[in-house]
C-alpha atoms as a PDB file:
ATOM      1  CA  UNK A   1      91.913 110.557  71.502  1.00  0.00           C
ATOM      2  CA  UNK A   2      90.854 106.882  70.606  1.00  0.00           C
ATOM      3  CA  UNK A   3      91.836 104.464  73.063  1.00  0.00           C
ATOM      4  CA  UNK A   4      92.706 100.982  72.193  1.00  0.00           C
ATOM      5  CA  UNK A   5      91.920 101.104  68.303  1.00  0.00           C
ATOM      6  CA  UNK A   6      92.017  97.964  66.419  1.00  0.00           C
ATOM      7  CA  UNK A   7      94.920  97.365  64.688  1.00  0.00           C
ATOM      8  CA  UNK A   8      94.929  96.336  61.069  1.00  0.00           C
ATOM      9  CA  UNK A   9      94.827  92.343  61.393  1.00  0.00           C
ATOM     10  CA  UNK A  10      92.689  90.195  63.729  1.00  0.00           C
ATOM     11  CA  UNK A  11      95.791  89.232  65.762  1.00  0.00           C
ATOM     12  CA  UNK A  12      94.798  88.969  69.749  1.00  0.00           C
ATOM     13  CA  UNK A  13      96.358  91.970  72.091  1.00  0.00           C
ATOM     14  CA  UNK A  14      98.839  89.598  73.849  1.00  0.00           C
ATOM     15  CA  UNK A  15      99.985  85.896  72.838  1.00  0.00           C
ATOM     16  CA  UNK A  16     102.511  83.802  74.935  1.00  0.00           C
ATOM     17  CA  UNK A  17     103.269  80.342  73.749  1.00  0.00           C
ATOM     18  CA  UNK A  18     105.187  78.336  76.110  1.00  0.00           C
ATOM     19  CA  UNK A  19     107.337  81.016  77.362  1.00  0.00           C
ATOM     20  CA  UNK A  20     110.572  80.493  79.817  1.00  0.00           C
ATOM     21  CA  UNK A  21     112.756  82.816  81.361  1.00  0.00           C
ATOM     22  CA  UNK A  22     116.276  81.902  82.493  1.00  0.00           C
ATOM     23  CA  UNK A  23     116.658  79.398  85.086  1.00  0.00           C
ATOM     24  CA  UNK A  24     116.857  80.570  88.401  1.00  0.00           C
ATOM     25  CA  UNK A  25     118.933  78.355  90.940  1.00  0.00           C
ATOM     26  CA  UNK A  26     117.621  79.961  93.858  1.00  0.00           C
ATOM     27  CA  UNK A  27     113.877  78.705  92.631  1.00  0.00           C
ATOM     28  CA  UNK A  28     115.425  75.686  91.113  1.00  0.00           C
ATOM     29  CA  UNK A  29     112.865  76.647  88.133  1.00  0.00           C
ATOM     30  CA  UNK A  30     112.793  79.429  85.375  1.00  0.00           C
ATOM     31  CA  UNK A  31     110.789  82.164  87.002  1.00  0.00           C
ATOM     32  CA  UNK A  32     108.346  81.991  83.654  1.00  0.00           C
ATOM     33  CA  UNK A  33     108.023  78.193  83.226  1.00  0.00           C
ATOM     34  CA  UNK A  34     105.794  77.804  80.203  1.00  0.00           C
ATOM     35  CA  UNK A  35     103.355  80.043  80.097  1.00  0.00           C
ATOM     36  CA  UNK A  36     100.635  79.833  77.490  1.00  0.00           C
ATOM     37  CA  UNK A  37      97.933  82.277  77.320  1.00  0.00           C
ATOM     38  CA  UNK A  38      95.835  84.673  75.170  1.00  0.00           C
ATOM     39  CA  UNK A  39      94.350  88.087  75.680  1.00  0.00           C
ATOM     40  CA  UNK A  40      91.855  89.493  73.341  1.00  0.00           C
ATOM     41  CA  UNK A  41      91.721  93.099  72.497  1.00  0.00           C
ATOM     42  CA  UNK A  42      89.267  95.099  75.258  1.00  0.00           C
ATOM     43  CA  UNK A  43      89.722  92.624  77.753  1.00  0.00           C
ATOM     44  CA  UNK A  44      90.189  94.227  81.400  1.00  0.00           C
ATOM     45  CA  UNK A  45      92.270  90.947  83.049  1.00  0.00           C
ATOM     46  CA  UNK A  46      93.588  90.819  86.606  1.00  0.00           C
ATOM     47  CA  UNK A  47      96.735  88.908  86.750  1.00  0.00           C
ATOM     48  CA  UNK A  48      96.914  87.005  90.328  1.00  0.00           C
ATOM     49  CA  UNK A  49      99.309  84.433  92.207  1.00  0.00           C
ATOM     50  CA  UNK A  50     101.161  84.289  95.441  1.00  0.00           C
ATOM     51  CA  UNK A  51     104.574  85.983  95.900  1.00  0.00           C
ATOM     52  CA  UNK A  52     107.156  84.797  93.451  1.00  0.00           C
ATOM     53  CA  UNK A  53     104.572  83.361  91.160  1.00  0.00           C
ATOM     54  CA  UNK A  54     105.936  85.273  88.291  1.00  0.00           C
ATOM     55  CA  UNK A  55     103.152  87.839  87.553  1.00  0.00           C
ATOM     56  CA  UNK A  56     105.369  91.238  87.704  1.00  0.00           C
ATOM     57  CA  UNK A  57     108.133  89.490  85.510  1.00  0.00           C
ATOM     58  CA  UNK A  58     105.649  88.231  83.138  1.00  0.00           C
ATOM     59  CA  UNK A  59     104.213  91.947  82.467  1.00  0.00           C
ATOM     60  CA  UNK A  60     107.816  93.046  81.826  1.00  0.00           C
ATOM     61  CA  UNK A  61     108.490  90.291  79.562  1.00  0.00           C
ATOM     62  CA  UNK A  62     105.764  91.488  77.530  1.00  0.00           C
ATOM     63  CA  UNK A  63     107.459  94.493  76.464  1.00  0.00           C
ATOM     64  CA  UNK A  64     111.076  93.164  76.662  1.00  0.00           C
ATOM     65  CA  UNK A  65     112.324  94.266  79.992  1.00  0.00           C
ATOM     66  CA  UNK A  66     112.996  90.474  80.969  1.00  0.00           C
ATOM     67  CA  UNK A  67     114.336  88.316  78.167  1.00  0.00           C
ATOM     68  CA  UNK A  68     112.884  85.237  77.130  1.00  0.00           C
ATOM     69  CA  UNK A  69     114.791  82.282  76.555  1.00  0.00           C
ATOM     70  CA  UNK A  70     112.210  79.916  75.069  1.00  0.00           C
ATOM     71  CA  UNK A  71     108.646  80.548  73.311  1.00  0.00           C
ATOM     72  CA  UNK A  72     107.081  83.342  71.848  1.00  0.00           C
ATOM     73  CA  UNK A  73     105.460  86.467  72.956  1.00  0.00           C
ATOM     74  CA  UNK A  74     103.539  88.476  70.333  1.00  0.00           C
ATOM     75  CA  UNK A  75     101.659  91.882  71.004  1.00  0.00           C
ATOM     76  CA  UNK A  76      99.247  92.749  68.391  1.00  0.00           C
ATOM     77  CA  UNK A  77     100.696  90.095  66.037  1.00  0.00           C
ATOM     78  CA  UNK A  78     104.339  91.173  66.182  1.00  0.00           C
ATOM     79  CA  UNK A  79     106.703  89.374  68.231  1.00  0.00           C
ATOM     80  CA  UNK A  80     108.678  90.489  71.113  1.00  0.00           C
ATOM     81  CA  UNK A  81     112.356  90.428  69.887  1.00  0.00           C
ATOM     82  CA  UNK A  82     115.528  92.673  70.376  1.00  0.00           C
ATOM     83  CA  UNK A  83     114.731  93.919  66.803  1.00  0.00           C
ATOM     84  CA  UNK A  84     111.134  94.478  66.968  1.00  0.00           C
ATOM     85  CA  UNK A  85     110.779  95.814  70.414  1.00  0.00           C
ATOM     86  CA  UNK A  86     110.432  99.166  69.862  1.00  0.00           C
ATOM     87  CA  UNK A  87     107.550  98.718  67.481  1.00  0.00           C
ATOM     88  CA  UNK A  88     105.906  96.466  70.210  1.00  0.00           C
ATOM     89  CA  UNK A  89     106.288  99.161  72.849  1.00  0.00           C
ATOM     90  CA  UNK A  90     104.389 101.718  70.708  1.00  0.00           C
ATOM     91  CA  UNK A  91     101.120  99.603  71.638  1.00  0.00           C
ATOM     92  CA  UNK A  92     101.687  99.145  74.874  1.00  0.00           C
ATOM     93  CA  UNK A  93     101.640 101.879  77.867  1.00  0.00           C
ATOM     94  CA  UNK A  94     103.443 100.350  81.040  1.00  0.00           C
ATOM     95  CA  UNK A  95     102.468 101.703  84.233  1.00  0.00           C
ATOM     96  CA  UNK A  96     105.131 100.765  87.004  1.00  0.00           C
ATOM     97  CA  UNK A  97     104.854 100.921  90.842  1.00  0.00           C
ATOM     98  CA  UNK A  98     104.583 104.076  92.486  1.00  0.00           C
ATOM     99  CA  UNK A  99     104.076 105.765  88.615  1.00  0.00           C
ATOM    100  CA  UNK A 100     107.334 107.137  88.479  1.00  0.00           C
ATOM    101  CA  UNK A 101     106.396 110.936  88.470  1.00  0.00           C
ATOM    102  CA  UNK A 102     109.305 113.593  88.727  1.00  0.00           C
ATOM    103  CA  UNK A 103     108.463 115.362  91.741  1.00  0.00           C
ATOM    104  CA  UNK A 104     109.701 118.430  90.757  1.00  0.00           C
ATOM    105  CA  UNK A 105     107.734 118.648  87.559  1.00  0.00           C
ATOM    106  CA  UNK A 106     104.259 119.738  87.489  1.00  0.00           C
ATOM    107  CA  UNK A 107     101.613 117.162  86.523  1.00  0.00           C
ATOM    108  CA  UNK A 108     100.892 118.765  83.481  1.00  0.00           C
ATOM    109  CA  UNK A 109     104.938 118.704  82.573  1.00  0.00           C
ATOM    110  CA  UNK A 110     104.991 114.730  83.600  1.00  0.00           C
ATOM    111  CA  UNK A 111     102.132 113.717  81.193  1.00  0.00           C
ATOM    112  CA  UNK A 112     104.009 115.354  78.751  1.00  0.00           C
ATOM    113  CA  UNK A 113     106.956 113.312  79.412  1.00  0.00           C
ATOM    114  CA  UNK A 114     105.154 110.697  77.941  1.00  0.00           C
ATOM    115  CA  UNK A 115     105.662 112.660  74.302  1.00  0.00           C
ATOM    116  CA  UNK A 116     109.397 112.450  74.788  1.00  0.00           C
ATOM    117  CA  UNK A 117     110.023 109.374  72.722  1.00  0.00           C
ATOM    118  CA  UNK A 118     108.257 110.804  69.571  1.00  0.00           C
ATOM    119  CA  UNK A 119     110.268 113.952  69.630  1.00  0.00           C
ATOM    120  CA  UNK A 120     113.856 114.752  67.958  1.00  0.00           C
ATOM    121  CA  UNK A 121     116.535 116.553  69.535  1.00  0.00           C
ATOM    122  CA  UNK A 122     115.496 119.483  68.151  1.00  0.00           C
ATOM    123  CA  UNK A 123     111.789 119.405  69.427  1.00  0.00           C
ATOM    124  CA  UNK A 124     112.922 118.510  72.555  1.00  0.00           C
ATOM    125  CA  UNK A 125     115.017 121.385  73.286  1.00  0.00           C
ATOM    126  CA  UNK A 126     112.226 123.900  71.726  1.00  0.00           C
ATOM    127  CA  UNK A 127     109.569 122.214  74.136  1.00  0.00           C
ATOM    128  CA  UNK A 128     106.061 120.194  73.511  1.00  0.00           C
ATOM    129  CA  UNK A 129     104.111 121.651  70.694  1.00  0.00           C
ATOM    130  CA  UNK A 130     100.765 123.402  71.532  1.00  0.00           C
ATOM    131  CA  UNK A 131      98.669 120.141  70.570  1.00  0.00           C
ATOM    132  CA  UNK A 132     100.400 117.594  73.253  1.00  0.00           C
ATOM    133  CA  UNK A 133      99.659 120.190  75.930  1.00  0.00           C
ATOM    134  CA  UNK A 134      96.059 120.241  74.885  1.00  0.00           C
ATOM    135  CA  UNK A 135      95.962 116.844  75.177  1.00  0.00           C
ATOM    136  CA  UNK A 136      97.935 116.332  78.112  1.00  0.00           C
ATOM    137  CA  UNK A 137      95.417 118.907  79.804  1.00  0.00           C
ATOM    138  CA  UNK A 138      92.482 116.601  78.571  1.00  0.00           C
ATOM    139  CA  UNK A 139      94.035 113.509  80.242  1.00  0.00           C
ATOM    140  CA  UNK A 140      94.306 114.892  83.336  1.00  0.00           C
ATOM    141  CA  UNK A 141      90.556 116.412  83.163  1.00  0.00           C
ATOM    142  CA  UNK A 142      89.551 113.452  82.437  1.00  0.00           C
ATOM    143  CA  UNK A 143      91.119 111.864  85.492  1.00  0.00           C
ATOM    144  CA  UNK A 144      89.221 114.520  87.447  1.00  0.00           C
ATOM    145  CA  UNK A 145      92.610 116.323  88.135  1.00  0.00           C
ATOM    146  CA  UNK A 146      91.653 119.944  86.263  1.00  0.00           C
ATOM    147  CA  UNK A 147      92.498 121.632  89.592  1.00  0.00           C
ATOM    148  CA  UNK A 148      95.929 119.814  90.026  1.00  0.00           C
ATOM    149  CA  UNK A 149      97.213 120.754  86.669  1.00  0.00           C
ATOM    150  CA  UNK A 150     100.322 123.082  87.479  1.00  0.00           C
ATOM    151  CA  UNK A 151     100.539 121.410  90.528  1.00  0.00           C
ATOM    152  CA  UNK A 152     104.207 119.961  91.579  1.00  0.00           C
ATOM    153  CA  UNK A 153     103.940 115.731  91.728  1.00  0.00           C
ATOM    154  CA  UNK A 154     105.222 116.281  95.067  1.00  0.00           C
ATOM    155  CA  UNK A 155     102.101 117.910  96.194  1.00  0.00           C
ATOM    156  CA  UNK A 156      99.958 115.022  95.389  1.00  0.00           C
ATOM    157  CA  UNK A 157      98.245 112.216  97.018  1.00  0.00           C
ATOM    158  CA  UNK A 158      99.015 108.631  96.147  1.00  0.00           C
ATOM    159  CA  UNK A 159      95.947 108.357  94.244  1.00  0.00           C
ATOM    160  CA  UNK A 160      96.344 111.420  92.438  1.00  0.00           C
ATOM    161  CA  UNK A 161      99.988 110.280  91.474  1.00  0.00           C
ATOM    162  CA  UNK A 162      98.844 107.244  90.062  1.00  0.00           C
ATOM    163  CA  UNK A 163      96.281 109.190  88.094  1.00  0.00           C
ATOM    164  CA  UNK A 164      98.782 111.351  86.768  1.00  0.00           C
ATOM    165  CA  UNK A 165     100.909 108.418  86.150  1.00  0.00           C
ATOM    166  CA  UNK A 166      97.763 106.658  84.084  1.00  0.00           C
ATOM    167  CA  UNK A 167      97.463 109.943  81.803  1.00  0.00           C
ATOM    168  CA  UNK A 168     101.045 110.423  80.929  1.00  0.00           C
ATOM    169  CA  UNK A 169     100.536 106.593  79.417  1.00  0.00           C
ATOM    170  CA  UNK A 170      97.779 107.020  77.397  1.00  0.00           C
ATOM    171  CA  UNK A 171      99.325 110.085  76.061  1.00  0.00           C
ATOM    172  CA  UNK A 172     101.044 107.687  73.691  1.00  0.00           C
ATOM    173  CA  UNK A 173      97.935 106.016  72.243  1.00  0.00           C
ATOM    174  CA  UNK A 174      98.579 102.651  73.442  1.00  0.00           C
ATOM    175  CA  UNK A 175      96.629 100.003  72.618  1.00  0.00           C
ATOM    176  CA  UNK A 176      97.141  97.884  75.973  1.00  0.00           C
ATOM    177  CA  UNK A 177      97.903  99.237  79.338  1.00  0.00           C
ATOM    178  CA  UNK A 178      99.945  97.214  81.513  1.00  0.00           C
ATOM    179  CA  UNK A 179      99.717  98.054  85.071  1.00  0.00           C
ATOM    180  CA  UNK A 180     102.184  96.378  87.773  1.00  0.00           C
ATOM    181  CA  UNK A 181     100.462  96.768  91.623  1.00  0.00           C
ATOM    182  CA  UNK A 182      99.193 100.037  90.742  1.00  0.00           C
ATOM    183  CA  UNK A 183      97.327 100.391  94.192  1.00  0.00           C
ATOM    184  CA  UNK A 184     100.382  99.128  95.990  1.00  0.00           C
ATOM    185  CA  UNK A 185     100.497 101.871  99.030  1.00  0.00           C
ATOM    186  CA  UNK A 186      97.147 103.800  98.707  1.00  0.00           C
ATOM    187  CA  UNK A 187      94.328 104.355 100.710  1.00  0.00           C
ATOM    188  CA  UNK A 188      90.879 103.323 100.107  1.00  0.00           C
ATOM    189  CA  UNK A 189      90.134 106.326  98.242  1.00  0.00           C
ATOM    190  CA  UNK A 190      93.201 106.323  96.028  1.00  0.00           C
ATOM    191  CA  UNK A 191      92.370 102.744  95.363  1.00  0.00           C
ATOM    192  CA  UNK A 192      88.946 103.406  94.400  1.00  0.00           C
ATOM    193  CA  UNK A 193      90.277 106.133  92.133  1.00  0.00           C
ATOM    194  CA  UNK A 194      92.945 104.473  90.369  1.00  0.00           C
ATOM    195  CA  UNK A 195      90.912 101.177  89.771  1.00  0.00           C
ATOM    196  CA  UNK A 196      88.270 103.380  88.437  1.00  0.00           C
ATOM    197  CA  UNK A 197      90.100 105.005  86.005  1.00  0.00           C
ATOM    198  CA  UNK A 198      91.296 102.230  84.668  1.00  0.00           C
ATOM    199  CA  UNK A 199      87.994 100.691  84.250  1.00  0.00           C
ATOM    200  CA  UNK A 200      86.755 103.679  82.523  1.00  0.00           C
ATOM    201  CA  UNK A 201      89.763 103.406  79.671  1.00  0.00           C
ATOM    202  CA  UNK A 202      88.758  99.938  79.626  1.00  0.00           C
ATOM    203  CA  UNK A 203      85.006 100.488  78.579  1.00  0.00           C
ATOM    204  CA  UNK A 204      86.520 103.013  75.949  1.00  0.00           C
ATOM    205  CA  UNK A 205      88.035 100.308  74.298  1.00  0.00           C
ATOM    206  CA  UNK A 206      91.596 100.141  76.018  1.00  0.00           C
ATOM    207  CA  UNK A 207      92.944  96.364  76.798  1.00  0.00           C
ATOM    208  CA  UNK A 208      93.934  96.401  80.670  1.00  0.00           C
ATOM    209  CA  UNK A 209      96.082  94.142  82.345  1.00  0.00           C
ATOM    210  CA  UNK A 210      96.897  94.506  86.165  1.00  0.00           C
ATOM    211  CA  UNK A 211      99.107  92.724  88.651  1.00  0.00           C
ATOM    212  CA  UNK A 212      96.502  92.340  91.813  1.00  0.00           C
ATOM    213  CA  UNK A 213      96.817  91.578  95.071  1.00  0.00           C
ATOM    214  CA  UNK A 214      93.277  92.014  96.329  1.00  0.00           C
ATOM    215  CA  UNK A 215      90.833  89.375  95.266  1.00  0.00           C
ATOM    216  CA  UNK A 216      87.872  91.703  95.663  1.00  0.00           C
ATOM    217  CA  UNK A 217      89.499  94.423  93.511  1.00  0.00           C
ATOM    218  CA  UNK A 218      89.710  91.783  91.120  1.00  0.00           C
ATOM    219  CA  UNK A 219      85.814  90.736  91.251  1.00  0.00           C
ATOM    220  CA  UNK A 220      84.388  94.115  91.155  1.00  0.00           C
ATOM    221  CA  UNK A 221      86.693  95.452  88.429  1.00  0.00           C
ATOM    222  CA  UNK A 222      88.347  92.764  85.978  1.00  0.00           C
ATOM    223  CA  UNK A 223      86.503  90.753  83.604  1.00  0.00           C
ATOM    224  CA  UNK A 224      88.765  87.568  83.770  1.00  0.00           C
ATOM    225  CA  UNK A 225      91.312  86.779  86.089  1.00  0.00           C
ATOM    226  CA  UNK A 226      94.890  84.960  85.087  1.00  0.00           C
ATOM    227  CA  UNK A 227      96.383  83.041  88.237  1.00  0.00           C
ATOM    228  CA  UNK A 228     100.020  81.965  88.236  1.00  0.00           C
ATOM    229  CA  UNK A 229     101.635  79.416  90.114  1.00  0.00           C
ATOM    230  CA  UNK A 230     105.188  78.815  90.247  1.00  0.00           C
ATOM    231  CA  UNK A 231     105.875  80.418  86.746  1.00  0.00           C
ATOM    232  CA  UNK A 232     102.770  78.400  85.037  1.00  0.00           C
ATOM    233  CA  UNK A 233      99.119  79.581  84.404  1.00  0.00           C
ATOM    234  CA  UNK A 234      97.307  78.081  86.906  1.00  0.00           C
ATOM    235  CA  UNK A 235      93.902  79.268  86.539  1.00  0.00           C
ATOM    236  CA  UNK A 236      92.112  81.429  83.717  1.00  0.00           C
ATOM    237  CA  UNK A 237      88.323  82.348  83.834  1.00  0.00           C
ATOM    238  CA  UNK A 238      85.903  84.199  85.956  1.00  0.00           C
ATOM    239  CA  UNK A 239      87.041  86.448  88.488  1.00  0.00           C
ATOM    240  CA  UNK A 240      83.854  85.282  90.932  1.00  0.00           C
ATOM    241  CA  UNK A 241      85.436  82.090  91.788  1.00  0.00           C
ATOM    242  CA  UNK A 242      88.492  83.484  92.935  1.00  0.00           C
ATOM    243  CA  UNK A 243      88.135  83.408  97.004  1.00  0.00           C
ATOM    244  CA  UNK A 244      87.970  79.187  96.328  1.00  0.00           C
ATOM    245  CA  UNK A 245      90.604  79.050  93.968  1.00  0.00           C
ATOM    246  CA  UNK A 246      93.158  80.775  95.883  1.00  0.00           C
ATOM    247  CA  UNK A 247      92.253  78.611  98.872  1.00  0.00           C
ATOM    248  CA  UNK A 248      93.136  75.669  96.746  1.00  0.00           C
ATOM    249  CA  UNK A 249      96.452  77.480  95.756  1.00  0.00           C
ATOM    250  CA  UNK A 250      97.620  78.357  99.429  1.00  0.00           C
ATOM    251  CA  UNK A 251      96.865  74.496 100.317  1.00  0.00           C
ATOM    252  CA  UNK A 252      98.986  73.446  97.789  1.00  0.00           C
ATOM    253  CA  UNK A 253     101.585  75.698  98.433  1.00  0.00           C
ATOM    254  CA  UNK A 254     101.494  74.883 102.147  1.00  0.00           C
ATOM    255  CA  UNK A 255     101.555  70.856 100.870  1.00  0.00           C
ATOM    256  CA  UNK A 256     104.786  71.333  98.701  1.00  0.00           C
ATOM    257  CA  UNK A 257     106.498  73.644 101.293  1.00  0.00           C
ATOM    258  CA  UNK A 258     105.843  70.882 104.028  1.00  0.00           C
ATOM    259  CA  UNK A 259     107.502  68.181 100.917  1.00  0.00           C
ATOM    260  CA  UNK A 260     110.489  70.076 100.457  1.00  0.00           C
ATOM    261  CA  UNK A 261     111.122  70.602 104.216  1.00  0.00           C
END
């Protein structure tokens, strides 16, 4: 399977221009308040920021799960609009917090669930084609889960569950993988398993954008950091400067909190 193969045009993987969501009275501003950014094919980007900065909202807006009230988002050159959102989602895999696996199903069947959108009603009744089953098994093997292929999801560790979720996403052959805090609740071993898997997929050409809270993880795995503050891009650059940049951001947040009090 080819990961993240180039699209027919030369458009960036992700482009946001002056993106705003609806006004939130509790925040006294939109959650996303004028986002401008561009992410090229093959990048590994860490999306960072303090709580409430808009990280998860931005990720969801990229696949049309959060409507945009102003501005434009393009994925591989296609505008994220209601009539085109199905086309957009063919290019994007989304890894939610916790993975969203079905506990009663085996790892293999959970991965195959990623194919359901490509099957018609009759095909889904007759079961998955052998080709899809072979691809699912290959993906699980690449994730280091060859011994867990037929295990129920409820029997897995947190890191194993997330790697199954990654495999389920990859069976859709996306150009882009969006991961919303994929290491939340995992122990050190699980974090390493998940982040190493994402890094390996990125090295094979997949564009990866991951929401993180751990600056050390961003510095270790990502090529670029985008930091959000109050719904805007506050920093966009190298991951190695994150400690200093976050110190500035926290000081700014304290000053703003004191002013509002």
